[in-house]
C-alpha atoms as a PDB file:
ATOM      1  CA  MET A   1     -18.786   7.322  19.830  1.00  0.00           C
ATOM      2  CA  ALA A   2     -19.193   4.895  16.919  1.00  0.00           C
ATOM      3  CA  ASP A   3     -16.188   5.313  14.407  1.00  0.00           C
ATOM      4  CA  GLN A   4     -18.252   7.446  11.312  1.00  0.00           C
ATOM      5  CA  ARG A   5     -16.276   6.676   8.546  1.00  0.00           C
ATOM      6  CA  GLU A   6     -17.087   7.842   4.538  1.00  0.00           C
ATOM      7  CA  PRO A   7     -18.783   5.154   2.558  1.00  0.00           C
ATOM      8  CA  LEU A   8     -16.336   4.076  -0.011  1.00  0.00           C
ATOM      9  CA  HIS A   9     -17.621   4.624  -3.813  1.00  0.00           C
ATOM     10  CA  ARG A  10     -16.951   1.946  -6.346  1.00  0.00           C
ATOM     11  CA  THR A  11     -17.691   1.873  -9.500  1.00  0.00           C
ATOM     12  CA  PRO A  12     -19.986  -1.147 -11.453  1.00  0.00           C
ATOM     13  CA  GLU A  13     -16.859  -2.227 -12.826  1.00  0.00           C
ATOM     14  CA  GLU A  14     -15.092  -2.354  -9.540  1.00  0.00           C
ATOM     15  CA  VAL A  15     -17.350  -4.344  -7.869  1.00  0.00           C
ATOM     16  CA  ALA A  16     -17.779  -6.260 -10.653  1.00  0.00           C
ATOM     17  CA  GLU A  17     -14.157  -6.948 -10.696  1.00  0.00           C
ATOM     18  CA  ASP A  18     -14.051  -8.105  -6.725  1.00  0.00           C
ATOM     19  CA  GLU A  19     -16.989 -10.537  -7.393  1.00  0.00           C
ATOM     20  CA  HIS A  20     -14.569 -12.319 -10.061  1.00  0.00           C
ATOM     21  CA  PHE A  21     -11.401 -11.866  -7.680  1.00  0.00           C
ATOM     22  CA  TYR A  22     -13.558 -13.321  -4.820  1.00  0.00           C
ATOM     23  CA  ARG A  23     -14.615 -16.419  -7.230  1.00  0.00           C
ATOM     24  CA  TRP A  24     -11.248 -16.934  -8.144  1.00  0.00           C
ATOM     25  CA  TYR A  25      -8.919 -16.068  -4.936  1.00  0.00           C
ATOM     26  CA  GLY A  26     -10.881 -16.191  -2.197  1.00  0.00           C
ATOM     27  CA  ALA A  27     -12.691 -14.205  -0.089  1.00  0.00           C
ATOM     28  CA  TRP A  28     -10.526 -11.437   2.317  1.00  0.00           C
ATOM     29  CA  ALA A  29     -11.076 -10.454   6.066  1.00  0.00           C
ATOM     30  CA  PRO A  30      -8.019  -7.980   5.933  1.00  0.00           C
ATOM     31  CA  LEU A  31      -6.243  -6.571   9.348  1.00  0.00           C
ATOM     32  CA  ASP A  32      -6.898  -3.245  10.150  1.00  0.00           C
ATOM     33  CA  PRO A  33      -3.779  -0.714  11.389  1.00  0.00           C
ATOM     34  CA  ASP A  34      -4.048  -2.160  15.029  1.00  0.00           C
ATOM     35  CA  GLY A  35      -4.290  -5.913  13.867  1.00  0.00           C
ATOM     36  CA  LEU A  36      -1.349  -5.056  11.246  1.00  0.00           C
ATOM     37  CA  ILE A  37       1.152  -3.995  14.564  1.00  0.00           C
ATOM     38  CA  ARG A  38       0.284  -6.979  16.329  1.00  0.00           C
ATOM     39  CA  PHE A  39       0.819  -9.246  12.954  1.00  0.00           C
ATOM     40  CA  MET A  40       4.398  -7.334  12.859  1.00  0.00           C
ATOM     41  CA  ALA A  41       5.292  -7.053  16.604  1.00  0.00           C
ATOM     42  CA  GLY A  42       9.222  -8.317  16.625  1.00  0.00           C
ATOM     43  CA  PHE A  43       9.365  -7.460  13.478  1.00  0.00           C
ATOM     44  CA  ASP A  44      12.952  -5.411  13.649  1.00  0.00           C
ATOM     45  CA  ARG A  45      13.205  -4.404   9.865  1.00  0.00           C
ATOM     46  CA  PRO A  46      11.551  -0.781   8.299  1.00  0.00           C
ATOM     47  CA  TRP A  47       7.610  -1.403   7.391  1.00  0.00           C
ATOM     48  CA  TRP A  48       5.098   1.172   6.955  1.00  0.00           C
ATOM     49  CA  ILE A  49       1.515   1.021   5.520  1.00  0.00           C
ATOM     50  CA  VAL A  50       0.430   3.064   2.100  1.00  0.00           C
ATOM     51  CA  GLY A  51      -2.700   3.557   0.557  1.00  0.00           C
ATOM     52  CA  GLY A  52      -5.524   4.585   1.504  1.00  0.00           C
ATOM     53  CA  TRP A  53      -4.579   3.838   5.358  1.00  0.00           C
ATOM     54  CA  SER A  54      -1.444   6.662   5.201  1.00  0.00           C
ATOM     55  CA  VAL A  55      -3.774   9.301   3.933  1.00  0.00           C
ATOM     56  CA  GLU A  56      -6.392   8.949   6.744  1.00  0.00           C
ATOM     57  CA  ALA A  57      -3.389   8.797   9.072  1.00  0.00           C
ATOM     58  CA  PHE A  58      -2.191  11.698   7.421  1.00  0.00           C
ATOM     59  CA  THR A  59      -5.342  13.779   7.312  1.00  0.00           C
ATOM     60  CA  GLY A  60      -7.550  13.076   9.875  1.00  0.00           C
ATOM     61  CA  HIS A  61     -10.651  11.991   7.327  1.00  0.00           C
ATOM     62  CA  ALA A  62     -11.851   8.666   8.043  1.00  0.00           C
ATOM     63  CA  ARG A  63     -13.534   6.984   5.403  1.00  0.00           C
ATOM     64  CA  GLU A  64     -14.075   3.181   4.297  1.00  0.00           C
ATOM     65  CA  HIS A  65     -11.252   0.799   3.344  1.00  0.00           C
ATOM     66  CA  GLU A  66     -10.709  -2.238   1.441  1.00  0.00           C
ATOM     67  CA  ASP A  67      -8.139  -3.523   3.053  1.00  0.00           C
ATOM     68  CA  VAL A  68      -4.927  -2.215   4.542  1.00  0.00           C
ATOM     69  CA  ASP A  69      -1.448  -2.387   2.405  1.00  0.00           C
ATOM     70  CA  LEU A  70       1.989  -3.483   4.324  1.00  0.00           C
ATOM     71  CA  SER A  71       4.833  -2.195   2.690  1.00  0.00           C
ATOM     72  CA  ILE A  72       8.809  -3.441   3.131  1.00  0.00           C
ATOM     73  CA  LEU A  73      11.951  -3.664   1.207  1.00  0.00           C
ATOM     74  CA  ALA A  74      12.394  -6.476  -1.241  1.00  0.00           C
ATOM     75  CA  CYS A  75      15.724  -6.986   0.566  1.00  0.00           C
ATOM     76  CA  ASP A  76      13.835  -7.971   3.376  1.00  0.00           C
ATOM     77  CA  LEU A  77      11.393 -10.377   2.638  1.00  0.00           C
ATOM     78  CA  THR A  78      13.519 -13.400   3.476  1.00  0.00           C
ATOM     79  CA  ALA A  79      13.390 -11.824   7.624  1.00  0.00           C
ATOM     80  CA  PHE A  80       9.458 -11.286   6.863  1.00  0.00           C
ATOM     81  CA  ARG A  81       8.975 -15.034   6.095  1.00  0.00           C
ATOM     82  CA  GLU A  82      10.882 -16.100   9.178  1.00  0.00           C
ATOM     83  CA  HIS A  83       9.035 -13.847  11.179  1.00  0.00           C
ATOM     84  CA  VAL A  84       5.538 -15.075  10.228  1.00  0.00           C
ATOM     85  CA  GLY A  85       6.957 -18.556  10.657  1.00  0.00           C
ATOM     86  CA  ASP A  86       4.468 -21.563   9.807  1.00  0.00           C
ATOM     87  CA  ASP A  87       1.616 -20.097  11.537  1.00  0.00           C
ATOM     88  CA  TRP A  88       0.631 -18.205   8.104  1.00  0.00           C
ATOM     89  CA  ASN A  89       0.916 -18.812   4.437  1.00  0.00           C
ATOM     90  CA  LEU A  90       2.464 -16.732   2.450  1.00  0.00           C
ATOM     91  CA  TRP A  91       1.980 -16.477  -1.402  1.00  0.00           C
ATOM     92  CA  SER A  92       3.369 -14.579  -4.482  1.00  0.00           C
ATOM     93  CA  ASN A  93       1.608 -12.969  -6.436  1.00  0.00           C
ATOM     94  CA  HIS A  94       2.422 -11.348  -9.530  1.00  0.00           C
ATOM     95  CA  GLY A  95      -0.212 -10.139 -11.762  1.00  0.00           C
ATOM     96  CA  GLY A  96      -2.719 -12.809 -10.361  1.00  0.00           C
ATOM     97  CA  THR A  97      -0.366 -15.192 -10.803  1.00  0.00           C
ATOM     98  CA  LEU A  98       0.704 -16.897  -7.597  1.00  0.00           C
ATOM     99  CA  ARG A  99       2.907 -19.513  -6.141  1.00  0.00           C
ATOM    100  CA  PRO A 100       4.085 -20.289  -2.693  1.00  0.00           C
ATOM    101  CA  PHE A 101       6.460 -18.228  -0.532  1.00  0.00           C
ATOM    102  CA  ASN A 102       8.065 -20.730   1.723  1.00  0.00           C
ATOM    103  CA  ASP A 103      11.387 -22.479   1.900  1.00  0.00           C
ATOM    104  CA  ARG A 104      10.795 -24.761  -1.145  1.00  0.00           C
ATOM    105  CA  HIS A 105      10.334 -21.459  -3.630  1.00  0.00           C
ATOM    106  CA  ARG A 106      12.000 -18.925  -1.813  1.00  0.00           C
ATOM    107  CA  GLU A 107      11.920 -16.063  -4.043  1.00  0.00           C
ATOM    108  CA  VAL A 108       9.165 -14.091  -5.160  1.00  0.00           C
ATOM    109  CA  LEU A 109       8.072 -14.252  -8.747  1.00  0.00           C
ATOM    110  CA  ASP A 110       8.993 -10.204  -9.037  1.00  0.00           C
ATOM    111  CA  VAL A 111      10.142  -7.637  -6.522  1.00  0.00           C
ATOM    112  CA  ARG A 112       7.979  -4.886  -7.720  1.00  0.00           C
ATOM    113  CA  SER A 113       4.813  -7.140  -6.991  1.00  0.00           C
ATOM    114  CA  GLN A 114       3.248  -8.384  -3.921  1.00  0.00           C
ATOM    115  CA  VAL A 115       2.701 -10.835  -1.303  1.00  0.00           C
ATOM    116  CA  TRP A 116      -0.315 -12.282  -0.140  1.00  0.00           C
ATOM    117  CA  VAL A 117      -0.875 -13.595   3.802  1.00  0.00           C
ATOM    118  CA  ARG A 118      -3.477 -16.360   4.626  1.00  0.00           C
ATOM    119  CA  ARG A 119      -3.569 -18.931   7.497  1.00  0.00           C
ATOM    120  CA  SER A 120      -4.514 -21.150   4.870  1.00  0.00           C
ATOM    121  CA  ALA A 121      -6.139 -22.696   2.073  1.00  0.00           C
ATOM    122  CA  ALA A 122      -9.615 -22.738   4.025  1.00  0.00           C
ATOM    123  CA  ASP A 123      -9.156 -18.951   5.598  1.00  0.00           C
ATOM    124  CA  PRO A 124      -9.610 -15.357   4.110  1.00  0.00           C
ATOM    125  CA  TRP A 125      -6.512 -13.253   2.963  1.00  0.00           C
ATOM    126  CA  ILE A 126      -5.570 -10.524   5.873  1.00  0.00           C
ATOM    127  CA  ILE A 127      -2.808  -8.900   4.455  1.00  0.00           C
ATOM    128  CA  ASP A 128      -1.494  -7.477   1.123  1.00  0.00           C
ATOM    129  CA  LEU A 129       2.088  -6.838   1.550  1.00  0.00           C
ATOM    130  CA  VAL A 130       3.473  -4.689  -1.269  1.00  0.00           C
ATOM    131  CA  ILE A 131       6.830  -5.426  -2.092  1.00  0.00           C
ATOM    132  CA  THR A 132       8.911  -2.267  -2.302  1.00  0.00           C
ATOM    133  CA  PRO A 133      12.180  -2.677  -4.859  1.00  0.00           C
ATOM    134  CA  ASP A 134      15.332  -1.394  -2.957  1.00  0.00           C
ATOM    135  CA  GLN A 135      18.840  -0.843  -4.292  1.00  0.00           C
ATOM    136  CA  ASP A 136      21.342  -1.647  -1.939  1.00  0.00           C
ATOM    137  CA  GLY A 137      18.575  -0.942   1.260  1.00  0.00           C
ATOM    138  CA  LEU A 138      17.274   2.345  -0.088  1.00  0.00           C
ATOM    139  CA  TRP A 139      13.631   2.639  -0.808  1.00  0.00           C
ATOM    140  CA  THR A 140      13.074   3.195  -4.665  1.00  0.00           C
ATOM    141  CA  SER A 141       9.495   4.240  -6.641  1.00  0.00           C
ATOM    142  CA  LYS A 142       7.282   1.819  -8.717  1.00  0.00           C
ATOM    143  CA  ARG A 143       6.462   5.089 -10.471  1.00  0.00           C
ATOM    144  CA  ASP A 144       9.522   7.053 -11.163  1.00  0.00           C
ATOM    145  CA  PRO A 145      12.905   4.872 -11.596  1.00  0.00           C
ATOM    146  CA  ASP A 146      14.765   7.753 -10.673  1.00  0.00           C
ATOM    147  CA  HIS A 147      13.346   8.436  -7.459  1.00  0.00           C
ATOM    148  CA  VAL A 148      15.671   6.378  -4.848  1.00  0.00           C
ATOM    149  CA  ALA A 149      15.935   7.512  -1.355  1.00  0.00           C
ATOM    150  CA  PRO A 150      16.020   6.081   2.148  1.00  0.00           C
ATOM    151  CA  VAL A 151      13.044   5.252   4.024  1.00  0.00           C
ATOM    152  CA  ASP A 152      13.118   7.834   6.236  1.00  0.00           C
ATOM    153  CA  ASP A 153      12.600  10.310   3.677  1.00  0.00           C
ATOM    154  CA  VAL A 154       9.687   8.876   1.551  1.00  0.00           C
ATOM    155  CA  THR A 155       7.866   8.108   4.968  1.00  0.00           C
ATOM    156  CA  TRP A 156       6.622   9.420   8.618  1.00  0.00           C
ATOM    157  CA  VAL A 157       6.001   8.120  12.113  1.00  0.00           C
ATOM    158  CA  ALA A 158       2.819   8.989  13.503  1.00  0.00           C
ATOM    159  CA  GLY A 159       1.526   9.239  17.211  1.00  0.00           C
ATOM    160  CA  ASP A 160       0.948   5.966  17.373  1.00  0.00           C
ATOM    161  CA  GLY A 161       4.726   4.972  16.403  1.00  0.00           C
ATOM    162  CA  VAL A 162       3.578   3.523  12.990  1.00  0.00           C
ATOM    163  CA  ARG A 163       5.308   4.098   9.996  1.00  0.00           C
ATOM    164  CA  TYR A 164       3.129   5.386   6.863  1.00  0.00           C
ATOM    165  CA  LEU A 165       4.396   5.969   3.409  1.00  0.00           C
ATOM    166  CA  ARG A 166       4.298  10.519   2.950  1.00  0.00           C
ATOM    167  CA  PRO A 167       0.834  11.627   1.543  1.00  0.00           C
ATOM    168  CA  GLU A 168       2.249  13.237  -1.570  1.00  0.00           C
ATOM    169  CA  VAL A 169       4.219  10.389  -2.111  1.00  0.00           C
ATOM    170  CA  THR A 170       1.009   7.884  -1.753  1.00  0.00           C
ATOM    171  CA  LEU A 171      -0.849  10.333  -4.437  1.00  0.00           C
ATOM    172  CA  LEU A 172       1.545  10.223  -7.268  1.00  0.00           C
ATOM    173  CA  TYR A 173       0.727   6.414  -6.711  1.00  0.00           C
ATOM    174  CA  LYS A 174      -2.783   6.982  -6.460  1.00  0.00           C
ATOM    175  CA  ALA A 175      -2.345   9.497  -9.572  1.00  0.00           C
ATOM    176  CA  ALA A 176      -1.833   6.561 -11.711  1.00  0.00           C
ATOM    177  CA  LEU A 177      -4.917   4.463 -10.718  1.00  0.00           C
ATOM    178  CA  HIS A 178      -7.204   7.503 -10.699  1.00  0.00           C
ATOM    179  CA  ARG A 179     -10.214   5.628  -9.260  1.00  0.00           C
ATOM    180  CA  PRO A 180     -13.218   7.395  -7.173  1.00  0.00           C
ATOM    181  CA  LYS A 181     -11.214   7.045  -4.434  1.00  0.00           C
ATOM    182  CA  ASP A 182      -8.161   8.481  -5.822  1.00  0.00           C
ATOM    183  CA  ASP A 183      -9.705  11.322  -6.151  1.00  0.00           C
ATOM    184  CA  ARG A 184     -11.383  12.105  -3.022  1.00  0.00           C
ATOM    185  CA  ASP A 185      -7.902  11.014  -1.358  1.00  0.00           C
ATOM    186  CA  LEU A 186      -6.434  14.162  -3.083  1.00  0.00           C
ATOM    187  CA  GLU A 187      -9.080  16.392  -2.239  1.00  0.00           C
ATOM    188  CA  VAL A 188      -8.199  16.129   1.289  1.00  0.00           C
ATOM    189  CA  THR A 189      -5.156  15.729   1.450  1.00  0.00           C
ATOM    190  CA  TRP A 190      -4.165  18.747  -0.815  1.00  0.00           C
ATOM    191  CA  PRO A 191      -5.157  21.805   0.849  1.00  0.00           C
ATOM    192  CA  LEU A 192      -2.938  20.222   4.111  1.00  0.00           C
ATOM    193  CA  LEU A 193       0.235  19.813   2.124  1.00  0.00           C
ATOM    194  CA  ASP A 194       3.180  21.847   2.595  1.00  0.00           C
ATOM    195  CA  PRO A 195       4.414  24.237  -0.156  1.00  0.00           C
ATOM    196  CA  ALA A 196       7.321  21.760  -0.526  1.00  0.00           C
ATOM    197  CA  PRO A 197       4.889  18.929  -0.966  1.00  0.00           C
ATOM    198  CA  ARG A 198       3.074  20.337  -3.318  1.00  0.00           C
ATOM    199  CA  GLU A 199       5.342  21.509  -5.670  1.00  0.00           C
ATOM    200  CA  TRP A 200       7.074  18.109  -5.983  1.00  0.00           C
ATOM    201  CA  LEU A 201       3.392  16.198  -6.559  1.00  0.00           C
ATOM    202  CA  ARG A 202       2.632  18.799  -8.938  1.00  0.00           C
ATOM    203  CA  ALA A 203       5.781  18.418 -11.053  1.00  0.00           C
ATOM    204  CA  SER A 204       6.106  14.319 -10.529  1.00  0.00           C
ATOM    205  CA  VAL A 205       2.493  13.999 -12.144  1.00  0.00           C
ATOM    206  CA  GLY A 206       2.948  16.783 -14.942  1.00  0.00           C
ATOM    207  CA  ARG A 207       6.411  14.820 -15.829  1.00  0.00           C
ATOM    208  CA  LEU A 208       4.969  11.445 -15.478  1.00  0.00           C
ATOM    209  CA  TYR A 209       1.250  11.726 -16.609  1.00  0.00           C
ATOM    210  CA  PRO A 210       0.932  14.415 -18.777  1.00  0.00           C
ATOM    211  CA  GLY A 211      -2.687  15.826 -19.204  1.00  0.00           C
ATOM    212  CA  HIS A 212      -3.655  14.272 -16.216  1.00  0.00           C
ATOM    213  CA  PRO A 213      -7.095  15.479 -14.756  1.00  0.00           C
ATOM    214  CA  TRP A 214      -5.514  16.321 -11.164  1.00  0.00           C
ATOM    215  CA  LEU A 215      -3.203  19.014 -12.768  1.00  0.00           C
ATOM    216  CA  SER A 216      -5.986  21.435 -13.139  1.00  0.00           C
ATOM    217  CA  ARG A 217      -6.906  21.084  -9.736  1.00  0.00           C
ATOM    218  CA  MET A 218      -3.753  20.917  -8.326  1.00  0.00           C
ATOM    219  CA  ALA A 219      -2.848  24.493 -10.009  1.00  0.00           C
END
């Protein structure tokens, strides 16, 4: 049976932003999780998928995705660069500023930013690597600096062996953005969460974003 995916609903502002992006930075042809598995084969450091694909893996509710978001710890960036070798070009992206991440520029612009991957300047981007800052190898939250934990505590491994960010942690990131797709992801995930993750998410959103519209939906 063909894969039936819920369409991704985007606002006119989001569509215009994408068109502006493509004009300045070039097109995307993102991998899906299966493609990412093949790309990361042999990488011996922890890696996991965040964002909408992590919600889909947990809920089983399929929707359209703009890309697949990979994450690794900042301390493993050099290992990632060695893993891709010379076959791919890596670019450090910090707030729209791009700089090669290569032998000449061995550090990213900011460990709270991203690394974009493409084969060459004439090819589309295929991976958005969302860097996770770490404290001595421990995962740290970009939303809540006090949230520091082992990677195993904030991720889970699906039946296919792929590691994903835990859904309640994904939703906390999405709460800050509060786009239509984020509201949809809360709607399909919230009923499936156990009581402890529910309470953690409700308390975290209330503490970080007082008055957030999600609070009434999570009451």
